[in-house]
Protein backbone atom coordinates (compact mmCIF):
# COMPACT_ATOMS: atom_id res chain seq x y z
CA ILE A 1 0.00 0.00 0.00
CA MET A 2 2.79 2.39 0.91
CA ILE A 3 4.58 1.95 -2.42
CA GLU A 4 1.34 2.35 -4.37
CA HIS A 5 0.60 5.52 -2.39
CA TYR A 6 4.12 6.86 -3.05
CA LEU A 7 3.88 6.20 -6.79
CA SER A 8 0.39 7.71 -6.94
CA MET A 9 1.67 10.91 -5.34
CA LEU A 10 4.46 11.12 -7.91
CA ASP A 11 1.93 10.65 -10.71
CA HIS A 12 -0.48 13.21 -9.27
CA TYR A 13 1.93 15.94 -8.16
CA GLY A 14 4.86 15.26 -10.49
CA GLU A 15 8.30 13.96 -9.52
CA GLY A 16 9.61 17.05 -7.73
CA ALA A 17 6.63 18.03 -5.61
CA GLY A 18 5.44 14.45 -5.21
CA LYS A 19 8.68 13.33 -3.58
CA LYS A 20 8.59 16.20 -1.11
CA ILE A 21 4.95 15.61 -0.21
CA ALA A 22 5.49 11.85 0.06
CA ARG A 23 8.14 12.26 2.77
CA LYS A 24 5.59 13.02 5.47
CA HIS A 25 3.42 10.11 4.37
CA ILE A 26 6.40 7.74 4.48
CA SER A 27 7.00 8.94 8.03
CA TRP A 28 3.41 8.16 8.99
CA TYR A 29 3.62 4.65 7.58
CA THR A 30 6.71 3.83 9.62
CA LYS A 31 6.00 5.69 12.86
CA GLY A 32 6.57 3.47 15.86
CA LEU A 33 8.28 0.67 13.97
CA ARG A 34 11.72 -0.58 14.98
CA ASP A 35 14.55 1.46 13.40
CA SER A 36 12.04 3.80 11.75
CA ALA A 37 13.86 7.00 12.74
CA GLU A 38 17.02 5.82 10.98
CA PHE A 39 14.95 4.75 7.95
CA ARG A 40 13.21 8.14 7.74
CA GLN A 41 16.53 10.00 7.90
CA LYS A 42 17.89 7.88 5.10
CA VAL A 43 14.85 7.93 2.82
CA ASN A 44 14.34 11.69 3.21
CA LYS A 45 17.79 12.32 1.73
CA LEU A 46 17.22 10.21 -1.38
CA THR A 47 16.46 11.90 -4.68
CA GLU A 48 15.95 8.98 -7.07
CA THR A 49 12.61 7.15 -7.11
CA ASN A 50 14.24 3.74 -7.53
CA ASP A 51 16.44 4.39 -4.50
CA VAL A 52 13.42 5.33 -2.40
CA LEU A 53 11.55 2.19 -3.49
CA ALA A 54 14.56 -0.02 -2.78
CA THR A 55 14.97 1.55 0.68
CA ILE A 56 11.28 1.02 1.48
CA ASN A 57 11.52 -2.62 0.42
CA ALA A 58 14.72 -3.14 2.41
CA PHE A 59 13.12 -1.65 5.52
CA PHE A 60 9.95 -3.74 5.41
CA GLU A 61 11.43 -7.05 4.24
CA PRO A 62 12.75 -8.13 7.67
CA LEU A 63 9.49 -7.09 9.34
CA LEU A 64 7.46 -9.15 6.87
CA ASN A 65 9.79 -12.12 7.33
CA GLU A 66 9.32 -11.93 11.11
CA GLN A 67 5.55 -12.00 10.71
CA ALA A 68 5.73 -14.96 8.36
CA ALA A 69 7.85 -16.99 10.79
């Protein structure tokens, strides 16, 4: 859902504005999760869409694996 939301914001607002607006939404999605502050610092500095998507996937992968176990 988070990635779909991120990509929808880029489509709606355009790359430049969409990335800036998406930062606060990314923060909301990760608030309270383990290591989320570090994740938010990292993702907020990224400028390339593919880097943001890869960072989101890398952050959530261990959490999803824990739930599956």
